[in-house]
PDB file of N, CA and C in Angstrom:
ATOM      1  N   MET A   1     -77.312-141.203  -4.269  1.00  0.00           N
ATOM      2  CA  MET A   1     -77.991-140.448  -3.485  1.00  0.00           C
ATOM      3  C   MET A   1     -77.059-139.270  -2.695  1.00  0.00           C
ATOM      4  N   VAL A   2     -77.471-138.113  -2.788  1.00  0.00           N
ATOM      5  CA  VAL A   2     -76.535-136.840  -2.129  1.00  0.00           C
ATOM      6  C   VAL A   2     -76.935-136.751  -0.592  1.00  0.00           C
ATOM      7  N   LYS A   3     -78.265-136.704  -0.445  1.00  0.00           N
ATOM      8  CA  LYS A   3     -78.786-136.541   0.794  1.00  0.00           C
ATOM      9  C   LYS A   3     -79.901-137.426   1.166  1.00  0.00           C
ATOM     10  N   ASP A   4     -80.275-137.931   2.267  1.00  0.00           N
ATOM     11  CA  ASP A   4     -81.634-138.684   2.649  1.00  0.00           C
ATOM     12  C   ASP A   4     -82.578-137.342   3.023  1.00  0.00           C
ATOM     13  N   ILE A   5     -83.299-136.922   2.352  1.00  0.00           N
ATOM     14  CA  ILE A   5     -84.132-135.519   2.782  1.00  0.00           C
ATOM     15  C   ILE A   5     -85.342-136.156   3.730  1.00  0.00           C
ATOM     16  N   ASN A   6     -85.734-137.300   3.484  1.00  0.00           N
ATOM     17  CA  ASN A   6     -86.922-137.917   4.277  1.00  0.00           C
ATOM     18  C   ASN A   6     -86.313-139.114   5.036  1.00  0.00           C
ATOM     19  N   PRO A   7     -85.498-139.256   6.082  1.00  0.00           N
ATOM     20  CA  PRO A   7     -85.074-140.301   6.523  1.00  0.00           C
ATOM     21  C   PRO A   7     -85.754-141.215   7.146  1.00  0.00           C
ATOM     22  N   GLY A   8     -85.539-142.757   6.976  1.00  0.00           N
ATOM     23  CA  GLY A   8     -86.443-143.841   7.600  1.00  0.00           C
ATOM     24  C   GLY A   8     -87.309-144.320   6.428  1.00  0.00           C
ATOM     25  N   SER A   9     -88.610-144.604   6.619  1.00  0.00           N
ATOM     26  CA  SER A   9     -89.274-145.115   5.605  1.00  0.00           C
ATOM     27  C   SER A   9     -89.900-144.198   4.847  1.00  0.00           C
ATOM     28  N   GLY A  10     -89.942-142.809   5.030  1.00  0.00           N
ATOM     29  CA  GLY A  10     -90.464-142.042   4.218  1.00  0.00           C
ATOM     30  C   GLY A  10     -89.822-141.733   2.888  1.00  0.00           C
ATOM     31  N   ASN A  11     -90.780-141.260   1.963  1.00  0.00           N
ATOM     32  CA  ASN A  11     -90.010-140.907   0.696  1.00  0.00           C
ATOM     33  C   ASN A  11     -90.177-139.510   0.281  1.00  0.00           C
ATOM     34  N   SER A  12     -89.065-138.667  -0.123  1.00  0.00           N
ATOM     35  CA  SER A  12     -89.225-137.436  -0.090  1.00  0.00           C
ATOM     36  C   SER A  12     -89.858-136.996  -1.412  1.00  0.00           C
ATOM     37  N   GLY A  13     -90.241-137.733  -2.431  1.00  0.00           N
ATOM     38  CA  GLY A  13     -91.081-137.461  -3.624  1.00  0.00           C
ATOM     39  C   GLY A  13     -90.355-136.311  -4.431  1.00  0.00           C
ATOM     40  N   PHE A  14     -89.146-136.508  -4.553  1.00  0.00           N
ATOM     41  CA  PHE A  14     -88.156-135.735  -5.234  1.00  0.00           C
ATOM     42  C   PHE A  14     -88.731-135.419  -6.760  1.00  0.00           C
ATOM     43  N   VAL A  15     -88.520-134.219  -7.169  1.00  0.00           N
ATOM     44  CA  VAL A  15     -88.977-134.095  -8.562  1.00  0.00           C
ATOM     45  C   VAL A  15     -87.844-132.773  -9.104  1.00  0.00           C
ATOM     46  N   ALA A  16     -87.068-133.042  -9.840  1.00  0.00           N
ATOM     47  CA  ALA A  16     -86.194-131.953 -10.408  1.00  0.00           C
ATOM     48  C   ALA A  16     -86.880-130.820 -11.143  1.00  0.00           C
ATOM     49  N   LEU A  17     -86.655-129.818 -11.106  1.00  0.00           N
ATOM     50  CA  LEU A  17     -87.348-128.631 -11.627  1.00  0.00           C
ATOM     51  C   LEU A  17     -86.680-127.837 -12.498  1.00  0.00           C
ATOM     52  N   GLY A  18     -85.318-127.673 -12.249  1.00  0.00           N
ATOM     53  CA  GLY A  18     -84.465-126.906 -13.241  1.00  0.00           C
ATOM     54  C   GLY A  18     -83.172-126.446 -12.556  1.00  0.00           C
ATOM     55  N   ILE A  19     -82.216-125.834 -13.536  1.00  0.00           N
ATOM     56  CA  ILE A  19     -80.942-125.516 -13.177  1.00  0.00           C
ATOM     57  C   ILE A  19     -80.985-124.003 -12.908  1.00  0.00           C
ATOM     58  N   TYR A  20     -80.522-123.303 -11.844  1.00  0.00           N
ATOM     59  CA  TYR A  20     -80.385-122.070 -11.884  1.00  0.00           C
ATOM     60  C   TYR A  20     -78.937-121.628 -11.057  1.00  0.00           C
ATOM     61  N   ASN A  21     -78.194-120.757 -11.649  1.00  0.00           N
ATOM     62  CA  ASN A  21     -77.006-120.440 -11.086  1.00  0.00           C
ATOM     63  C   ASN A  21     -75.882-121.810 -10.649  1.00  0.00           C
ATOM     64  N   GLY A  22     -75.995-122.747 -11.479  1.00  0.00           N
ATOM     65  CA  GLY A  22     -75.124-123.808 -11.213  1.00  0.00           C
ATOM     66  C   GLY A  22     -75.864-124.891 -10.145  1.00  0.00           C
ATOM     67  N   LYS A  23     -76.917-124.631  -9.929  1.00  0.00           N
ATOM     68  CA  LYS A  23     -77.393-125.276  -8.824  1.00  0.00           C
ATOM     69  C   LYS A  23     -78.883-126.106  -9.301  1.00  0.00           C
ATOM     70  N   LEU A  24     -79.144-127.238  -8.947  1.00  0.00           N
ATOM     71  CA  LEU A  24     -80.372-128.252  -9.218  1.00  0.00           C
ATOM     72  C   LEU A  24     -81.306-127.780  -8.164  1.00  0.00           C
ATOM     73  N   TYR A  25     -82.464-127.129  -8.596  1.00  0.00           N
ATOM     74  CA  TYR A  25     -83.692-126.793  -7.946  1.00  0.00           C
ATOM     75  C   TYR A  25     -84.552-127.842  -8.065  1.00  0.00           C
ATOM     76  N   PHE A  26     -85.235-128.324  -6.923  1.00  0.00           N
ATOM     77  CA  PHE A  26     -86.190-129.206  -7.027  1.00  0.00           C
ATOM     78  C   PHE A  26     -87.321-129.366  -5.674  1.00  0.00           C
ATOM     79  N   LYS A  27     -88.131-129.918  -6.137  1.00  0.00           N
ATOM     80  CA  LYS A  27     -89.228-129.937  -4.887  1.00  0.00           C
ATOM     81  C   LYS A  27     -88.971-131.319  -4.044  1.00  0.00           C
ATOM     82  N   ALA A  28     -89.258-131.412  -2.842  1.00  0.00           N
ATOM     83  CA  ALA A  28     -89.193-132.490  -2.085  1.00  0.00           C
ATOM     84  C   ALA A  28     -89.931-132.301  -0.841  1.00  0.00           C
ATOM     85  N   ASN A  29     -90.260-133.412   0.079  1.00  0.00           N
ATOM     86  CA  ASN A  29     -90.943-133.342   1.251  1.00  0.00           C
ATOM     87  C   ASN A  29     -89.894-134.026   2.204  1.00  0.00           C
ATOM     88  N   ASP A  30     -89.469-133.370   3.221  1.00  0.00           N
ATOM     89  CA  ASP A  30     -88.702-134.082   4.214  1.00  0.00           C
ATOM     90  C   ASP A  30     -89.568-134.342   5.476  1.00  0.00           C
ATOM     91  N   GLY A  31     -90.761-134.386   5.328  1.00  0.00           N
ATOM     92  CA  GLY A  31     -91.482-134.933   6.666  1.00  0.00           C
ATOM     93  C   GLY A  31     -91.770-134.023   7.668  1.00  0.00           C
ATOM     94  N   VAL A  32     -91.408-132.668   7.416  1.00  0.00           N
ATOM     95  CA  VAL A  32     -91.571-131.757   8.360  1.00  0.00           C
ATOM     96  C   VAL A  32     -92.167-130.657   7.699  1.00  0.00           C
ATOM     97  N   HIS A  33     -91.653-130.119   6.585  1.00  0.00           N
ATOM     98  CA  HIS A  33     -92.067-128.891   5.771  1.00  0.00           C
ATOM     99  C   HIS A  33     -92.994-129.118   4.800  1.00  0.00           C
ATOM    100  N   GLY A  34     -93.456-130.286   4.444  1.00  0.00           N
ATOM    101  CA  GLY A  34     -94.327-130.594   3.296  1.00  0.00           C
ATOM    102  C   GLY A  34     -93.326-130.508   2.085  1.00  0.00           C
ATOM    103  N   THR A  35     -93.936-130.481   0.932  1.00  0.00           N
ATOM    104  CA  THR A  35     -93.361-130.536  -0.589  1.00  0.00           C
ATOM    105  C   THR A  35     -92.894-129.039  -0.909  1.00  0.00           C
ATOM    106  N   GLU A  36     -91.663-128.534  -0.591  1.00  0.00           N
ATOM    107  CA  GLU A  36     -91.143-127.232  -0.665  1.00  0.00           C
ATOM    108  C   GLU A  36     -90.055-127.279  -1.602  1.00  0.00           C
ATOM    109  N   LEU A  37     -89.354-126.006  -1.771  1.00  0.00           N
ATOM    110  CA  LEU A  37     -88.389-125.743  -2.765  1.00  0.00           C
ATOM    111  C   LEU A  37     -87.030-125.860  -2.085  1.00  0.00           C
ATOM    112  N   TRP A  38     -86.218-127.014  -2.747  1.00  0.00           N
ATOM    113  CA  TRP A  38     -84.876-126.986  -2.283  1.00  0.00           C
ATOM    114  C   TRP A  38     -83.948-126.916  -3.418  1.00  0.00           C
ATOM    115  N   ARG A  39     -82.491-127.327  -3.005  1.00  0.00           N
ATOM    116  CA  ARG A  39     -81.495-126.977  -4.102  1.00  0.00           C
ATOM    117  C   ARG A  39     -80.407-127.860  -3.650  1.00  0.00           C
ATOM    118  N   THR A  40     -79.577-128.181  -4.522  1.00  0.00           N
ATOM    119  CA  THR A  40     -78.383-128.869  -4.512  1.00  0.00           C
ATOM    120  C   THR A  40     -77.322-128.316  -5.480  1.00  0.00           C
ATOM    121  N   ASP A  41     -76.007-128.452  -4.767  1.00  0.00           N
ATOM    122  CA  ASP A  41     -74.898-128.094  -5.705  1.00  0.00           C
ATOM    123  C   ASP A  41     -74.349-129.628  -5.794  1.00  0.00           C
ATOM    124  N   GLY A  42     -74.934-130.559  -5.474  1.00  0.00           N
ATOM    125  CA  GLY A  42     -74.272-132.001  -5.699  1.00  0.00           C
ATOM    126  C   GLY A  42     -73.453-132.524  -4.602  1.00  0.00           C
ATOM    127  N   THR A  43     -73.395-131.873  -3.488  1.00  0.00           N
ATOM    128  CA  THR A  43     -72.826-132.235  -2.278  1.00  0.00           C
ATOM    129  C   THR A  43     -73.736-132.435  -0.994  1.00  0.00           C
ATOM    130  N   LEU A  44     -73.249-133.096   0.066  1.00  0.00           N
ATOM    131  CA  LEU A  44     -74.378-133.044   1.154  1.00  0.00           C
ATOM    132  C   LEU A  44     -74.835-131.834   1.842  1.00  0.00           C
ATOM    133  N   LEU A  45     -73.558-131.103   2.133  1.00  0.00           N
ATOM    134  CA  LEU A  45     -73.612-129.852   2.889  1.00  0.00           C
ATOM    135  C   LEU A  45     -74.422-128.825   1.878  1.00  0.00           C
ATOM    136  N   GLY A  46     -74.331-128.937   0.587  1.00  0.00           N
ATOM    137  CA  GLY A  46     -74.930-128.122  -0.336  1.00  0.00           C
ATOM    138  C   GLY A  46     -76.340-128.256  -0.929  1.00  0.00           C
ATOM    139  N   THR A  47     -76.988-129.199  -0.130  1.00  0.00           N
ATOM    140  CA  THR A  47     -78.418-129.694  -0.182  1.00  0.00           C
ATOM    141  C   THR A  47     -79.327-129.250   0.775  1.00  0.00           C
ATOM    142  N   GLU A  48     -80.133-128.265   0.499  1.00  0.00           N
ATOM    143  CA  GLU A  48     -80.881-127.620   1.393  1.00  0.00           C
ATOM    144  C   GLU A  48     -82.180-126.994   1.022  1.00  0.00           C
ATOM    145  N   LEU A  49     -83.157-126.778   1.985  1.00  0.00           N
ATOM    146  CA  LEU A  49     -84.425-126.243   1.643  1.00  0.00           C
ATOM    147  C   LEU A  49     -84.041-124.685   1.520  1.00  0.00           C
ATOM    148  N   VAL A  50     -84.735-124.369   0.414  1.00  0.00           N
ATOM    149  CA  VAL A  50     -84.540-122.956   0.181  1.00  0.00           C
ATOM    150  C   VAL A  50     -85.408-122.034   0.861  1.00  0.00           C
ATOM    151  N   ALA A  51     -86.871-122.480   0.708  1.00  0.00           N
ATOM    152  CA  ALA A  51     -87.997-121.695   1.419  1.00  0.00           C
ATOM    153  C   ALA A  51     -89.189-122.674   1.684  1.00  0.00           C
ATOM    154  N   ASP A  52     -89.639-122.594   2.808  1.00  0.00           N
ATOM    155  CA  ASP A  52     -90.838-123.258   3.458  1.00  0.00           C
ATOM    156  C   ASP A  52     -91.963-122.043   3.227  1.00  0.00           C
ATOM    157  N   ILE A  53     -92.618-122.078   1.975  1.00  0.00           N
ATOM    158  CA  ILE A  53     -93.291-121.036   1.576  1.00  0.00           C
ATOM    159  C   ILE A  53     -94.939-121.373   2.370  1.00  0.00           C
ATOM    160  N   ASN A  54     -95.069-122.790   2.502  1.00  0.00           N
ATOM    161  CA  ASN A  54     -96.245-122.827   3.576  1.00  0.00           C
ATOM    162  C   ASN A  54     -95.737-123.492   4.784  1.00  0.00           C
ATOM    163  N   PRO A  55     -95.497-122.867   5.773  1.00  0.00           N
ATOM    164  CA  PRO A  55     -95.052-123.440   7.143  1.00  0.00           C
ATOM    165  C   PRO A  55     -95.782-124.765   7.442  1.00  0.00           C
ATOM    166  N   GLY A  56     -95.064-125.619   8.093  1.00  0.00           N
ATOM    167  CA  GLY A  56     -95.652-126.759   8.704  1.00  0.00           C
ATOM    168  C   GLY A  56     -95.804-127.763   7.261  1.00  0.00           C
ATOM    169  N   LEU A  57     -96.508-128.773   7.749  1.00  0.00           N
ATOM    170  CA  LEU A  57     -96.799-129.871   6.684  1.00  0.00           C
ATOM    171  C   LEU A  57     -97.346-129.540   5.425  1.00  0.00           C
ATOM    172  N   ASN A  58     -98.035-128.212   5.438  1.00  0.00           N
ATOM    173  CA  ASN A  58     -98.996-127.814   4.244  1.00  0.00           C
ATOM    174  C   ASN A  58     -97.565-127.555   3.085  1.00  0.00           C
ATOM    175  N   SER A  59     -97.943-128.081   1.923  1.00  0.00           N
ATOM    176  CA  SER A  59     -97.138-128.049   0.815  1.00  0.00           C
ATOM    177  C   SER A  59     -97.209-126.816   0.246  1.00  0.00           C
ATOM    178  N   SER A  60     -96.147-126.195  -0.530  1.00  0.00           N
ATOM    179  CA  SER A  60     -96.372-125.286  -1.542  1.00  0.00           C
ATOM    180  C   SER A  60     -96.413-125.983  -3.088  1.00  0.00           C
ATOM    181  N   ASN A  61     -95.936-127.040  -2.920  1.00  0.00           N
ATOM    182  CA  ASN A  61     -95.719-127.863  -4.393  1.00  0.00           C
ATOM    183  C   ASN A  61     -95.161-126.791  -5.373  1.00  0.00           C
ATOM    184  N   PRO A  62     -94.027-126.387  -5.250  1.00  0.00           N
ATOM    185  CA  PRO A  62     -93.493-125.684  -6.391  1.00  0.00           C
ATOM    186  C   PRO A  62     -93.402-126.248  -7.887  1.00  0.00           C
ATOM    187  N   SER A  63     -93.744-125.533  -8.937  1.00  0.00           N
ATOM    188  CA  SER A  63     -93.543-126.112 -10.207  1.00  0.00           C
ATOM    189  C   SER A  63     -93.422-124.933 -11.338  1.00  0.00           C
ATOM    190  N   LYS A  64     -93.414-125.324 -12.577  1.00  0.00           N
ATOM    191  CA  LYS A  64     -93.323-124.642 -13.519  1.00  0.00           C
ATOM    192  C   LYS A  64     -92.111-123.552 -13.415  1.00  0.00           C
ATOM    193  N   PHE A  65     -91.013-124.025 -13.413  1.00  0.00           N
ATOM    194  CA  PHE A  65     -89.632-123.274 -13.310  1.00  0.00           C
ATOM    195  C   PHE A  65     -89.150-122.739 -14.559  1.00  0.00           C
ATOM    196  N   THR A  66     -88.737-121.256 -14.640  1.00  0.00           N
ATOM    197  CA  THR A  66     -88.177-120.901 -15.754  1.00  0.00           C
ATOM    198  C   THR A  66     -87.313-119.840 -15.142  1.00  0.00           C
ATOM    199  N   VAL A  67     -86.166-119.561 -15.843  1.00  0.00           N
ATOM    200  CA  VAL A  67     -85.207-118.490 -15.612  1.00  0.00           C
ATOM    201  C   VAL A  67     -85.233-117.383 -16.759  1.00  0.00           C
ATOM    202  N   ILE A  68     -85.198-116.151 -16.241  1.00  0.00           N
ATOM    203  CA  ILE A  68     -85.354-115.008 -17.026  1.00  0.00           C
ATOM    204  C   ILE A  68     -84.638-113.803 -16.537  1.00  0.00           C
ATOM    205  N   ALA A  69     -83.801-113.177 -17.149  1.00  0.00           N
ATOM    206  CA  ALA A  69     -83.143-112.341 -16.636  1.00  0.00           C
ATOM    207  C   ALA A  69     -82.216-112.445 -15.370  1.00  0.00           C
ATOM    208  N   GLY A  70     -81.941-113.676 -15.146  1.00  0.00           N
ATOM    209  CA  GLY A  70     -81.094-114.009 -13.972  1.00  0.00           C
ATOM    210  C   GLY A  70     -81.957-114.362 -12.750  1.00  0.00           C
ATOM    211  N   LYS A  71     -83.138-114.366 -13.033  1.00  0.00           N
ATOM    212  CA  LYS A  71     -84.055-114.636 -11.706  1.00  0.00           C
ATOM    213  C   LYS A  71     -84.858-115.894 -12.049  1.00  0.00           C
ATOM    214  N   LEU A  72     -85.079-116.707 -11.186  1.00  0.00           N
ATOM    215  CA  LEU A  72     -85.912-117.903 -10.986  1.00  0.00           C
ATOM    216  C   LEU A  72     -87.409-117.735 -10.821  1.00  0.00           C
ATOM    217  N   TYR A  73     -88.181-117.951 -11.682  1.00  0.00           N
ATOM    218  CA  TYR A  73     -89.616-117.746 -11.548  1.00  0.00           C
ATOM    219  C   TYR A  73     -90.281-119.189 -11.305  1.00  0.00           C
ATOM    220  N   PHE A  74     -91.416-119.298 -10.489  1.00  0.00           N
ATOM    221  CA  PHE A  74     -92.111-120.373 -10.420  1.00  0.00           C
ATOM    222  C   PHE A  74     -93.533-120.219  -9.860  1.00  0.00           C
ATOM    223  N   ILE A  75     -94.334-121.275  -9.960  1.00  0.00           N
ATOM    224  CA  ILE A  75     -95.560-121.264  -9.433  1.00  0.00           C
ATOM    225  C   ILE A  75     -95.644-121.908  -7.910  1.00  0.00           C
ATOM    226  N   ALA A  76     -96.134-121.340  -7.091  1.00  0.00           N
ATOM    227  CA  ALA A  76     -96.298-122.112  -5.684  1.00  0.00           C
ATOM    228  C   ALA A  76     -97.646-121.747  -5.103  1.00  0.00           C
ATOM    229  N   VAL A  77     -98.211-122.761  -4.208  1.00  0.00           N
ATOM    230  CA  VAL A  77     -99.559-122.548  -3.593  1.00  0.00           C
ATOM    231  C   VAL A  77     -99.457-122.179  -2.114  1.00  0.00           C
ATOM    232  N   LYS A  78    -100.131-121.159  -1.892  1.00  0.00           N
ATOM    233  CA  LYS A  78    -100.369-120.728  -0.383  1.00  0.00           C
ATOM    234  C   LYS A  78    -101.656-121.097   0.094  1.00  0.00           C
ATOM    235  N   VAL A  79    -101.682-121.441   1.321  1.00  0.00           N
ATOM    236  CA  VAL A  79    -103.001-122.078   1.995  1.00  0.00           C
ATOM    237  C   VAL A  79    -104.186-121.101   1.569  1.00  0.00           C
ATOM    238  N   LEU A  80    -103.934-119.853   1.983  1.00  0.00           N
ATOM    239  CA  LEU A  80    -104.846-118.785   1.985  1.00  0.00           C
ATOM    240  C   LEU A  80    -105.372-118.120   0.535  1.00  0.00           C
ATOM    241  N   SER A  81    -104.391-118.091  -0.208  1.00  0.00           N
ATOM    242  CA  SER A  81    -104.492-117.440  -1.514  1.00  0.00           C
ATOM    243  C   SER A  81    -104.344-118.363  -2.819  1.00  0.00           C
ATOM    244  N   GLY A  82    -104.165-119.692  -2.700  1.00  0.00           N
ATOM    245  CA  GLY A  82    -104.229-120.592  -3.862  1.00  0.00           C
ATOM    246  C   GLY A  82    -102.618-120.549  -4.559  1.00  0.00           C
ATOM    247  N   ALA A  83    -102.632-120.802  -5.870  1.00  0.00           N
ATOM    248  CA  ALA A  83    -101.452-120.907  -6.577  1.00  0.00           C
ATOM    249  C   ALA A  83    -101.105-119.380  -7.173  1.00  0.00           C
ATOM    250  N   GLU A  84     -99.836-118.886  -7.076  1.00  0.00           N
ATOM    251  CA  GLU A  84     -99.434-117.749  -7.508  1.00  0.00           C
ATOM    252  C   GLU A  84     -97.922-117.693  -7.858  1.00  0.00           C
ATOM    253  N   PRO A  85     -97.551-116.793  -8.602  1.00  0.00           N
ATOM    254  CA  PRO A  85     -96.127-116.722  -9.182  1.00  0.00           C
ATOM    255  C   PRO A  85     -95.313-116.160  -8.162  1.00  0.00           C
ATOM    256  N   TRP A  86     -94.079-116.641  -7.850  1.00  0.00           N
ATOM    257  CA  TRP A  86     -93.246-116.412  -6.945  1.00  0.00           C
ATOM    258  C   TRP A  86     -91.752-116.147  -7.998  1.00  0.00           C
ATOM    259  N   VAL A  87     -90.899-115.356  -7.305  1.00  0.00           N
ATOM    260  CA  VAL A  87     -89.572-115.140  -7.951  1.00  0.00           C
ATOM    261  C   VAL A  87     -88.437-115.072  -6.856  1.00  0.00           C
ATOM    262  N   TYR A  88     -87.331-115.810  -7.414  1.00  0.00           N
ATOM    263  CA  TYR A  88     -86.232-115.953  -6.414  1.00  0.00           C
ATOM    264  C   TYR A  88     -84.851-115.547  -7.286  1.00  0.00           C
ATOM    265  N   SER A  89     -84.211-114.835  -6.571  1.00  0.00           N
ATOM    266  CA  SER A  89     -82.817-114.488  -6.766  1.00  0.00           C
ATOM    267  C   SER A  89     -81.872-114.639  -5.964  1.00  0.00           C
ATOM    268  N   GLU A  90     -80.457-115.220  -6.317  1.00  0.00           N
ATOM    269  CA  GLU A  90     -79.307-115.103  -5.264  1.00  0.00           C
ATOM    270  C   GLU A  90     -78.702-113.982  -5.156  1.00  0.00           C
TER     271      GLU A  90
END
């Protein structure tokens, strides 16, 4: 384990989604932000929440990752608009 994202008796529900720019992107629930987009470079300090797409406990549940032309594309759910495509780049 690199980092306990949901300390205590909670389970983060970690699901690896893909590699982008040398980092593992995944979805996890820290018990505060719902299931959102995270990344890690394999270190404690390099493991972090990337985006809280649905603030609060609402989950965006990111999925279907793909990298095209140096950008990370994925599907995420917004409370008011439903599932929609997203793009992320560093």
